[in-house]
Amino acid sequence: EAGEAELEEIYYFETSGLAYQRVYGTAERPIDVLAEVG
């Protein structure tokens, strides 16, 4: 019931102004992104 499907993912953005995207990891698998995206 609390399962996951392993999926790689791409986010492609369009905006006329200001936006942000956050990605962060676990202690076992660290990852750190805080990007202003256009």
ModelCIF file with pLDDT and N, C-alpha, C, O atoms, coordinates in Angstrom:
data_MODEL
#
_entry.id   MODEL 
#
_entity.id                         1 
_entity.type                       polymer 
_entity.pdbx_number_of_molecules   1 
#
_entity_poly.entity_id                      1 
_entity_poly.type                           'polypeptide(L)' 
_entity_poly.nstd_linkage                   no 
_entity_poly.nstd_monomer                   no 
_entity_poly.pdbx_seq_one_letter_code       EAGEAELEEIYYFETSGLAYQRVYGTAERPIDVLAEVG 
_entity_poly.pdbx_seq_one_letter_code_can   EAGEAELEEIYYFETSGLAYQRVYGTAERPIDVLAEVG 
_entity_poly.pdbx_strand_id                 A 
#
loop_
_entity_poly_seq.entity_id 
_entity_poly_seq.num 
_entity_poly_seq.mon_id 
_entity_poly_seq.hetero 
1 1  GLU n 
1 2  ALA n 
1 3  GLY n 
1 4  GLU n 
1 5  ALA n 
1 6  GLU n 
1 7  LEU n 
1 8  GLU n 
1 9  GLU n 
1 10 ILE n 
1 11 TYR n 
1 12 TYR n 
1 13 PHE n 
1 14 GLU n 
1 15 THR n 
1 16 SER n 
1 17 GLY n 
1 18 LEU n 
1 19 ALA n 
1 20 TYR n 
1 21 GLN n 
1 22 ARG n 
1 23 VAL n 
1 24 TYR n 
1 25 GLY n 
1 26 THR n 
1 27 ALA n 
1 28 GLU n 
1 29 ARG n 
1 30 PRO n 
1 31 ILE n 
1 32 ASP n 
1 33 VAL n 
1 34 LEU n 
1 35 ALA n 
1 36 GLU n 
1 37 VAL n 
1 38 GLY n 
#
_struct_asym.id          A 
_struct_asym.entity_id   1 
#
loop_
_ma_qa_metric.id 
_ma_qa_metric.mode 
_ma_qa_metric.name 
_ma_qa_metric.software_group_id 
_ma_qa_metric.type 
1 global pLDDT . pLDDT 
2 local  pLDDT . pLDDT 
#
_ma_qa_metric_global.metric_id      1 
_ma_qa_metric_global.metric_value   93.82 
_ma_qa_metric_global.model_id       1 
_ma_qa_metric_global.ordinal_id     1 
#
loop_
_ma_qa_metric_local.label_asym_id 
_ma_qa_metric_local.label_comp_id 
_ma_qa_metric_local.label_seq_id 
_ma_qa_metric_local.metric_id 
_ma_qa_metric_local.metric_value 
_ma_qa_metric_local.model_id 
_ma_qa_metric_local.ordinal_id 
A GLU 1  2 66.00 1 1  
A ALA 2  2 67.00 1 2  
A GLY 3  2 80.00 1 3  
A GLU 4  2 90.00 1 4  
A ALA 5  2 93.00 1 5  
A GLU 6  2 96.00 1 6  
A LEU 7  2 97.00 1 7  
A GLU 8  2 98.00 1 8  
A GLU 9  2 98.00 1 9  
A ILE 10 2 98.00 1 10 
A TYR 11 2 98.00 1 11 
A TYR 12 2 98.00 1 12 
A PHE 13 2 98.00 1 13 
A GLU 14 2 98.00 1 14 
A THR 15 2 97.00 1 15 
A SER 16 2 92.00 1 16 
A GLY 17 2 95.00 1 17 
A LEU 18 2 96.00 1 18 
A ALA 19 2 98.00 1 19 
A TYR 20 2 98.00 1 20 
A GLN 21 2 98.00 1 21 
A ARG 22 2 98.00 1 22 
A VAL 23 2 98.00 1 23 
A TYR 24 2 97.00 1 24 
A GLY 25 2 95.00 1 25 
A THR 26 2 88.00 1 26 
A ALA 27 2 87.00 1 27 
A GLU 28 2 90.00 1 28 
A ARG 29 2 93.00 1 29 
A PRO 30 2 95.00 1 30 
A ILE 31 2 96.00 1 31 
A ASP 32 2 96.00 1 32 
A VAL 33 2 97.00 1 33 
A LEU 34 2 97.00 1 34 
A ALA 35 2 97.00 1 35 
A GLU 36 2 97.00 1 36 
A VAL 37 2 98.00 1 37 
A GLY 38 2 97.00 1 38 
#
loop_
_atom_site.group_PDB 
_atom_site.id 
_atom_site.type_symbol 
_atom_site.label_atom_id 
_atom_site.label_alt_id 
_atom_site.label_comp_id 
_atom_site.label_asym_id 
_atom_site.label_entity_id 
_atom_site.label_seq_id 
_atom_site.pdbx_PDB_ins_code 
_atom_site.Cartn_x 
_atom_site.Cartn_y 
_atom_site.Cartn_z 
_atom_site.occupancy 
_atom_site.B_iso_or_equiv 
_atom_site.pdbx_formal_charge 
_atom_site.auth_seq_id 
_atom_site.auth_comp_id 
_atom_site.auth_asym_id 
_atom_site.auth_atom_id 
_atom_site.pdbx_PDB_model_num 
ATOM 1   N N  . GLU A 1 1  ? 0.819  -1.212 0.000   1.00 66.00 ? 1  GLU A N  1 
ATOM 2   C CA . GLU A 1 1  ? 0.000  0.000  0.000   1.00 66.00 ? 1  GLU A CA 1 
ATOM 3   C C  . GLU A 1 1  ? 0.854  1.264  0.000   1.00 66.00 ? 1  GLU A C  1 
ATOM 4   O O  . GLU A 1 1  ? 0.485  2.267  -0.611  1.00 66.00 ? 1  GLU A O  1 
ATOM 5   N N  . ALA A 1 2  ? 1.996  1.216  0.686   1.00 67.00 ? 2  ALA A N  1 
ATOM 6   C CA . ALA A 1 2  ? 2.888  2.373  0.742   1.00 67.00 ? 2  ALA A CA 1 
ATOM 7   C C  . ALA A 1 2  ? 4.064  2.213  -0.223  1.00 67.00 ? 2  ALA A C  1 
ATOM 8   O O  . ALA A 1 2  ? 5.148  2.745  0.015   1.00 67.00 ? 2  ALA A O  1 
ATOM 9   N N  . GLY A 1 3  ? 3.843  1.481  -1.304  1.00 80.00 ? 3  GLY A N  1 
ATOM 10  C CA . GLY A 1 3  ? 4.922  1.155  -2.223  1.00 80.00 ? 3  GLY A CA 1 
ATOM 11  C C  . GLY A 1 3  ? 5.340  2.308  -3.108  1.00 80.00 ? 3  GLY A C  1 
ATOM 12  O O  . GLY A 1 3  ? 4.697  3.356  -3.150  1.00 80.00 ? 3  GLY A O  1 
ATOM 13  N N  . GLU A 1 4  ? 6.431  2.088  -3.811  1.00 90.00 ? 4  GLU A N  1 
ATOM 14  C CA . GLU A 1 4  ? 6.954  3.032  -4.791  1.00 90.00 ? 4  GLU A CA 1 
ATOM 15  C C  . GLU A 1 4  ? 7.285  2.280  -6.069  1.00 90.00 ? 4  GLU A C  1 
ATOM 16  O O  . GLU A 1 4  ? 7.491  1.066  -6.057  1.00 90.00 ? 4  GLU A O  1 
ATOM 17  N N  . ALA A 1 5  ? 7.332  3.015  -7.165  1.00 93.00 ? 5  ALA A N  1 
ATOM 18  C CA . ALA A 1 5  ? 7.875  2.508  -8.420  1.00 93.00 ? 5  ALA A CA 1 
ATOM 19  C C  . ALA A 1 5  ? 9.144  3.300  -8.715  1.00 93.00 ? 5  ALA A C  1 
ATOM 20  O O  . ALA A 1 5  ? 9.123  4.531  -8.722  1.00 93.00 ? 5  ALA A O  1 
ATOM 21  N N  . GLU A 1 6  ? 10.234 2.607  -8.956  1.00 96.00 ? 6  GLU A N  1 
ATOM 22  C CA . GLU A 1 6  ? 11.507 3.288  -9.205  1.00 96.00 ? 6  GLU A CA 1 
ATOM 23  C C  . GLU A 1 6  ? 11.458 4.002  -10.559 1.00 96.00 ? 6  GLU A C  1 
ATOM 24  O O  . GLU A 1 6  ? 11.327 3.362  -11.602 1.00 96.00 ? 6  GLU A O  1 
ATOM 25  N N  . LEU A 1 7  ? 11.565 5.324  -10.531 1.00 97.00 ? 7  LEU A N  1 
ATOM 26  C CA . LEU A 1 7  ? 11.459 6.127  -11.749 1.00 97.00 ? 7  LEU A CA 1 
ATOM 27  C C  . LEU A 1 7  ? 12.491 7.249  -11.731 1.00 97.00 ? 7  LEU A C  1 
ATOM 28  O O  . LEU A 1 7  ? 12.544 8.030  -10.781 1.00 97.00 ? 7  LEU A O  1 
ATOM 29  N N  . GLU A 1 8  ? 13.301 7.332  -12.768 1.00 98.00 ? 8  GLU A N  1 
ATOM 30  C CA . GLU A 1 8  ? 14.093 8.534  -13.029 1.00 98.00 ? 8  GLU A CA 1 
ATOM 31  C C  . GLU A 1 8  ? 13.132 9.627  -13.508 1.00 98.00 ? 8  GLU A C  1 
ATOM 32  O O  . GLU A 1 8  ? 12.058 9.328  -14.030 1.00 98.00 ? 8  GLU A O  1 
ATOM 33  N N  . GLU A 1 9  ? 13.523 10.892 -13.330 1.00 98.00 ? 9  GLU A N  1 
ATOM 34  C CA . GLU A 1 9  ? 12.589 11.952 -13.728 1.00 98.00 ? 9  GLU A CA 1 
ATOM 35  C C  . GLU A 1 9  ? 13.313 13.200 -14.219 1.00 98.00 ? 9  GLU A C  1 
ATOM 36  O O  . GLU A 1 9  ? 14.376 13.570 -13.721 1.00 98.00 ? 9  GLU A O  1 
ATOM 37  N N  . ILE A 1 10 ? 12.690 13.839 -15.225 1.00 98.00 ? 10 ILE A N  1 
ATOM 38  C CA . ILE A 1 10 ? 13.150 15.114 -15.775 1.00 98.00 ? 10 ILE A CA 1 
ATOM 39  C C  . ILE A 1 10 ? 12.036 16.130 -15.602 1.00 98.00 ? 10 ILE A C  1 
ATOM 40  O O  . ILE A 1 10 ? 10.877 15.839 -15.898 1.00 98.00 ? 10 ILE A O  1 
ATOM 41  N N  . TYR A 1 11 ? 12.378 17.323 -15.123 1.00 98.00 ? 11 TYR A N  1 
ATOM 42  C CA . TYR A 1 11 ? 11.459 18.468 -15.103 1.00 98.00 ? 11 TYR A CA 1 
ATOM 43  C C  . TYR A 1 11 ? 11.946 19.477 -16.140 1.00 98.00 ? 11 TYR A C  1 
ATOM 44  O O  . TYR A 1 11 ? 13.084 19.941 -16.079 1.00 98.00 ? 11 TYR A O  1 
ATOM 45  N N  . TYR A 1 12 ? 11.072 19.813 -17.098 1.00 98.00 ? 12 TYR A N  1 
ATOM 46  C CA . TYR A 1 12 ? 11.355 20.865 -18.088 1.00 98.00 ? 12 TYR A CA 1 
ATOM 47  C C  . TYR A 1 12 ? 10.388 22.019 -17.827 1.00 98.00 ? 12 TYR A C  1 
ATOM 48  O O  . TYR A 1 12 ? 9.182  21.796 -17.726 1.00 98.00 ? 12 TYR A O  1 
ATOM 49  N N  . PHE A 1 13 ? 10.900 23.258 -17.717 1.00 98.00 ? 13 PHE A N  1 
ATOM 50  C CA . PHE A 1 13 ? 10.110 24.395 -17.257 1.00 98.00 ? 13 PHE A CA 1 
ATOM 51  C C  . PHE A 1 13 ? 9.856  25.428 -18.361 1.00 98.00 ? 13 PHE A C  1 
ATOM 52  O O  . PHE A 1 13 ? 10.681 25.643 -19.249 1.00 98.00 ? 13 PHE A O  1 
ATOM 53  N N  . GLU A 1 14 ? 8.676  26.060 -18.267 1.00 98.00 ? 14 GLU A N  1 
ATOM 54  C CA . GLU A 1 14 ? 8.351  27.265 -19.038 1.00 98.00 ? 14 GLU A CA 1 
ATOM 55  C C  . GLU A 1 14 ? 7.678  28.249 -18.086 1.00 98.00 ? 14 GLU A C  1 
ATOM 56  O O  . GLU A 1 14 ? 6.743  27.882 -17.374 1.00 98.00 ? 14 GLU A O  1 
ATOM 57  N N  . THR A 1 15 ? 8.139  29.481 -18.069 1.00 97.00 ? 15 THR A N  1 
ATOM 58  C CA . THR A 1 15 ? 7.509  30.549 -17.303 1.00 97.00 ? 15 THR A CA 1 
ATOM 59  C C  . THR A 1 15 ? 8.023  31.876 -17.842 1.00 97.00 ? 15 THR A C  1 
ATOM 60  O O  . THR A 1 15 ? 9.133  31.954 -18.369 1.00 97.00 ? 15 THR A O  1 
ATOM 61  N N  . SER A 1 16 ? 7.212  32.912 -17.706 1.00 92.00 ? 16 SER A N  1 
ATOM 62  C CA . SER A 1 16 ? 7.638  34.242 -18.140 1.00 92.00 ? 16 SER A CA 1 
ATOM 63  C C  . SER A 1 16 ? 8.293  35.014 -17.010 1.00 92.00 ? 16 SER A C  1 
ATOM 64  O O  . SER A 1 16 ? 8.700  36.162 -17.186 1.00 92.00 ? 16 SER A O  1 
ATOM 65  N N  . GLY A 1 17 ? 8.395  34.374 -15.837 1.00 95.00 ? 17 GLY A N  1 
ATOM 66  C CA . GLY A 1 17 ? 8.923  35.100 -14.688 1.00 95.00 ? 17 GLY A CA 1 
ATOM 67  C C  . GLY A 1 17 ? 9.747  34.238 -13.767 1.00 95.00 ? 17 GLY A C  1 
ATOM 68  O O  . GLY A 1 17 ? 10.691 33.579 -14.203 1.00 95.00 ? 17 GLY A O  1 
ATOM 69  N N  . LEU A 1 18 ? 9.398  34.239 -12.498 1.00 96.00 ? 18 LEU A N  1 
ATOM 70  C CA . LEU A 1 18 ? 10.228 33.682 -11.445 1.00 96.00 ? 18 LEU A CA 1 
ATOM 71  C C  . LEU A 1 18 ? 9.625  32.385 -10.902 1.00 96.00 ? 18 LEU A C  1 
ATOM 72  O O  . LEU A 1 18 ? 8.428  32.325 -10.618 1.00 96.00 ? 18 LEU A O  1 
ATOM 73  N N  . ALA A 1 19 ? 10.455 31.350 -10.758 1.00 98.00 ? 19 ALA A N  1 
ATOM 74  C CA . ALA A 1 19 ? 10.005 30.072 -10.200 1.00 98.00 ? 19 ALA A CA 1 
ATOM 75  C C  . ALA A 1 19 ? 11.201 29.357 -9.590  1.00 98.00 ? 19 ALA A C  1 
ATOM 76  O O  . ALA A 1 19 ? 12.352 29.651 -9.914  1.00 98.00 ? 19 ALA A O  1 
ATOM 77  N N  . TYR A 1 20 ? 10.906 28.403 -8.692  1.00 98.00 ? 20 TYR A N  1 
ATOM 78  C CA . TYR A 1 20 ? 11.956 27.657 -8.012  1.00 98.00 ? 20 TYR A CA 1 
ATOM 79  C C  . TYR A 1 20 ? 11.613 26.174 -7.975  1.00 98.00 ? 20 TYR A C  1 
ATOM 80  O O  . TYR A 1 20 ? 10.444 25.789 -7.967  1.00 98.00 ? 20 TYR A O  1 
ATOM 81  N N  . GLN A 1 21 ? 12.667 25.343 -7.953  1.00 98.00 ? 21 GLN A N  1 
ATOM 82  C CA . GLN A 1 21 ? 12.508 23.894 -7.814  1.00 98.00 ? 21 GLN A CA 1 
ATOM 83  C C  . GLN A 1 21 ? 13.452 23.384 -6.732  1.00 98.00 ? 21 GLN A C  1 
ATOM 84  O O  . GLN A 1 21 ? 14.633 23.729 -6.699  1.00 98.00 ? 21 GLN A O  1 
ATOM 85  N N  . ARG A 1 22 ? 12.902 22.553 -5.846  1.00 98.00 ? 22 ARG A N  1 
ATOM 86  C CA . ARG A 1 22 ? 13.685 21.973 -4.751  1.00 98.00 ? 22 ARG A CA 1 
ATOM 87  C C  . ARG A 1 22 ? 13.770 20.459 -4.922  1.00 98.00 ? 22 ARG A C  1 
ATOM 88  O O  . ARG A 1 22 ? 12.781 19.805 -5.251  1.00 98.00 ? 22 ARG A O  1 
ATOM 89  N N  . VAL A 1 23 ? 14.960 19.912 -4.696  1.00 98.00 ? 23 VAL A N  1 
ATOM 90  C CA . VAL A 1 23 ? 15.197 18.471 -4.642  1.00 98.00 ? 23 VAL A CA 1 
ATOM 91  C C  . VAL A 1 23 ? 16.158 18.222 -3.479  1.00 98.00 ? 23 VAL A C  1 
ATOM 92  O O  . VAL A 1 23 ? 17.167 18.916 -3.357  1.00 98.00 ? 23 VAL A O  1 
ATOM 93  N N  . TYR A 1 24 ? 15.859 17.243 -2.624  1.00 97.00 ? 24 TYR A N  1 
ATOM 94  C CA . TYR A 1 24 ? 16.748 16.942 -1.510  1.00 97.00 ? 24 TYR A CA 1 
ATOM 95  C C  . TYR A 1 24 ? 16.690 15.450 -1.225  1.00 97.00 ? 24 TYR A C  1 
ATOM 96  O O  . TYR A 1 24 ? 15.730 14.774 -1.597  1.00 97.00 ? 24 TYR A O  1 
ATOM 97  N N  . GLY A 1 25 ? 17.719 14.944 -0.566  1.00 95.00 ? 25 GLY A N  1 
ATOM 98  C CA . GLY A 1 25 ? 17.844 13.502 -0.412  1.00 95.00 ? 25 GLY A CA 1 
ATOM 99  C C  . GLY A 1 25 ? 17.675 13.017 1.008   1.00 95.00 ? 25 GLY A C  1 
ATOM 100 O O  . GLY A 1 25 ? 17.279 13.763 1.903   1.00 95.00 ? 25 GLY A O  1 
ATOM 101 N N  . THR A 1 26 ? 17.983 11.753 1.192   1.00 88.00 ? 26 THR A N  1 
ATOM 102 C CA . THR A 1 26 ? 18.000 11.113 2.499   1.00 88.00 ? 26 THR A CA 1 
ATOM 103 C C  . THR A 1 26 ? 19.451 11.037 2.975   1.00 88.00 ? 26 THR A C  1 
ATOM 104 O O  . THR A 1 26 ? 20.375 11.326 2.215   1.00 88.00 ? 26 THR A O  1 
ATOM 105 N N  . ALA A 1 27 ? 19.642 10.648 4.228   1.00 87.00 ? 27 ALA A N  1 
ATOM 106 C CA . ALA A 1 27 ? 21.001 10.512 4.743   1.00 87.00 ? 27 ALA A CA 1 
ATOM 107 C C  . ALA A 1 27 ? 21.780 9.472  3.950   1.00 87.00 ? 27 ALA A C  1 
ATOM 108 O O  . ALA A 1 27 ? 22.981 9.623  3.728   1.00 87.00 ? 27 ALA A O  1 
ATOM 109 N N  . GLU A 1 28 ? 21.093 8.414  3.523   1.00 90.00 ? 28 GLU A N  1 
ATOM 110 C CA . GLU A 1 28 ? 21.752 7.343  2.778   1.00 90.00 ? 28 GLU A CA 1 
ATOM 111 C C  . GLU A 1 28 ? 22.051 7.741  1.331   1.00 90.00 ? 28 GLU A C  1 
ATOM 112 O O  . GLU A 1 28 ? 23.035 7.287  0.747   1.00 90.00 ? 28 GLU A O  1 
ATOM 113 N N  . ARG A 1 29 ? 21.188 8.602  0.751   1.00 93.00 ? 29 ARG A N  1 
ATOM 114 C CA . ARG A 1 29 ? 21.356 9.001  -0.658  1.00 93.00 ? 29 ARG A CA 1 
ATOM 115 C C  . ARG A 1 29 ? 21.205 10.515 -0.754  1.00 93.00 ? 29 ARG A C  1 
ATOM 116 O O  . ARG A 1 29 ? 20.146 11.000 -1.154  1.00 93.00 ? 29 ARG A O  1 
ATOM 117 N N  . PRO A 1 30 ? 22.236 11.267 -0.397  1.00 95.00 ? 30 PRO A N  1 
ATOM 118 C CA . PRO A 1 30 ? 22.125 12.724 -0.393  1.00 95.00 ? 30 PRO A CA 1 
ATOM 119 C C  . PRO A 1 30 ? 22.013 13.298 -1.795  1.00 95.00 ? 30 PRO A C  1 
ATOM 120 O O  . PRO A 1 30 ? 22.586 12.775 -2.751  1.00 95.00 ? 30 PRO A O  1 
ATOM 121 N N  . ILE A 1 31 ? 21.266 14.377 -1.893  1.00 96.00 ? 31 ILE A N  1 
ATOM 122 C CA . ILE A 1 31 ? 21.133 15.153 -3.131  1.00 96.00 ? 31 ILE A CA 1 
ATOM 123 C C  . ILE A 1 31 ? 20.630 16.533 -2.710  1.00 96.00 ? 31 ILE A C  1 
ATOM 124 O O  . ILE A 1 31 ? 19.857 16.640 -1.758  1.00 96.00 ? 31 ILE A O  1 
ATOM 125 N N  . ASP A 1 32 ? 21.059 17.588 -3.405  1.00 96.00 ? 32 ASP A N  1 
ATOM 126 C CA . ASP A 1 32 ? 20.705 18.925 -2.967  1.00 96.00 ? 32 ASP A CA 1 
ATOM 127 C C  . ASP A 1 32 ? 20.606 19.865 -4.164  1.00 96.00 ? 32 ASP A C  1 
ATOM 128 O O  . ASP A 1 32 ? 21.617 20.219 -4.770  1.00 96.00 ? 32 ASP A O  1 
ATOM 129 N N  . VAL A 1 33 ? 19.375 20.268 -4.499  1.00 97.00 ? 33 VAL A N  1 
ATOM 130 C CA . VAL A 1 33 ? 19.135 21.223 -5.573  1.00 97.00 ? 33 VAL A CA 1 
ATOM 131 C C  . VAL A 1 33 ? 18.119 22.253 -5.080  1.00 97.00 ? 33 VAL A C  1 
ATOM 132 O O  . VAL A 1 33 ? 17.042 21.886 -4.609  1.00 97.00 ? 33 VAL A O  1 
ATOM 133 N N  . LEU A 1 34 ? 18.447 23.508 -5.182  1.00 97.00 ? 34 LEU A N  1 
ATOM 134 C CA . LEU A 1 34 ? 17.486 24.601 -5.028  1.00 97.00 ? 34 LEU A CA 1 
ATOM 135 C C  . LEU A 1 34 ? 17.774 25.567 -6.155  1.00 97.00 ? 34 LEU A C  1 
ATOM 136 O O  . LEU A 1 34 ? 18.700 26.372 -6.069  1.00 97.00 ? 34 LEU A O  1 
ATOM 137 N N  . ALA A 1 35 ? 16.975 25.490 -7.224  1.00 97.00 ? 35 ALA A N  1 
ATOM 138 C CA . ALA A 1 35 ? 17.274 26.211 -8.456  1.00 97.00 ? 35 ALA A CA 1 
ATOM 139 C C  . ALA A 1 35 ? 16.187 27.232 -8.773  1.00 97.00 ? 35 ALA A C  1 
ATOM 140 O O  . ALA A 1 35 ? 14.997 26.925 -8.700  1.00 97.00 ? 35 ALA A O  1 
ATOM 141 N N  . GLU A 1 36 ? 16.600 28.437 -9.125  1.00 97.00 ? 36 GLU A N  1 
ATOM 142 C CA . GLU A 1 36 ? 15.687 29.391 -9.752  1.00 97.00 ? 36 GLU A CA 1 
ATOM 143 C C  . GLU A 1 36 ? 15.576 28.985 -11.217 1.00 97.00 ? 36 GLU A C  1 
ATOM 144 O O  . GLU A 1 36 ? 16.575 28.967 -11.935 1.00 97.00 ? 36 GLU A O  1 
ATOM 145 N N  . VAL A 1 37 ? 14.372 28.663 -11.658 1.00 98.00 ? 37 VAL A N  1 
ATOM 146 C CA . VAL A 1 37 ? 14.191 28.104 -12.993 1.00 98.00 ? 37 VAL A CA 1 
ATOM 147 C C  . VAL A 1 37 ? 13.403 29.066 -13.873 1.00 98.00 ? 37 VAL A C  1 
ATOM 148 O O  . VAL A 1 37 ? 12.480 29.742 -13.418 1.00 98.00 ? 37 VAL A O  1 
ATOM 149 N N  . GLY A 1 38 ? 13.792 29.111 -15.149 1.00 97.00 ? 38 GLY A N  1 
ATOM 150 C CA . GLY A 1 38 ? 13.112 29.931 -16.142 1.00 97.00 ? 38 GLY A CA 1 
ATOM 151 C C  . GLY A 1 38 ? 12.797 29.117 -17.376 1.00 97.00 ? 38 GLY A C  1 
ATOM 152 O O  . GLY A 1 38 ? 12.221 29.640 -18.330 1.00 97.00 ? 38 GLY A O  1 
#
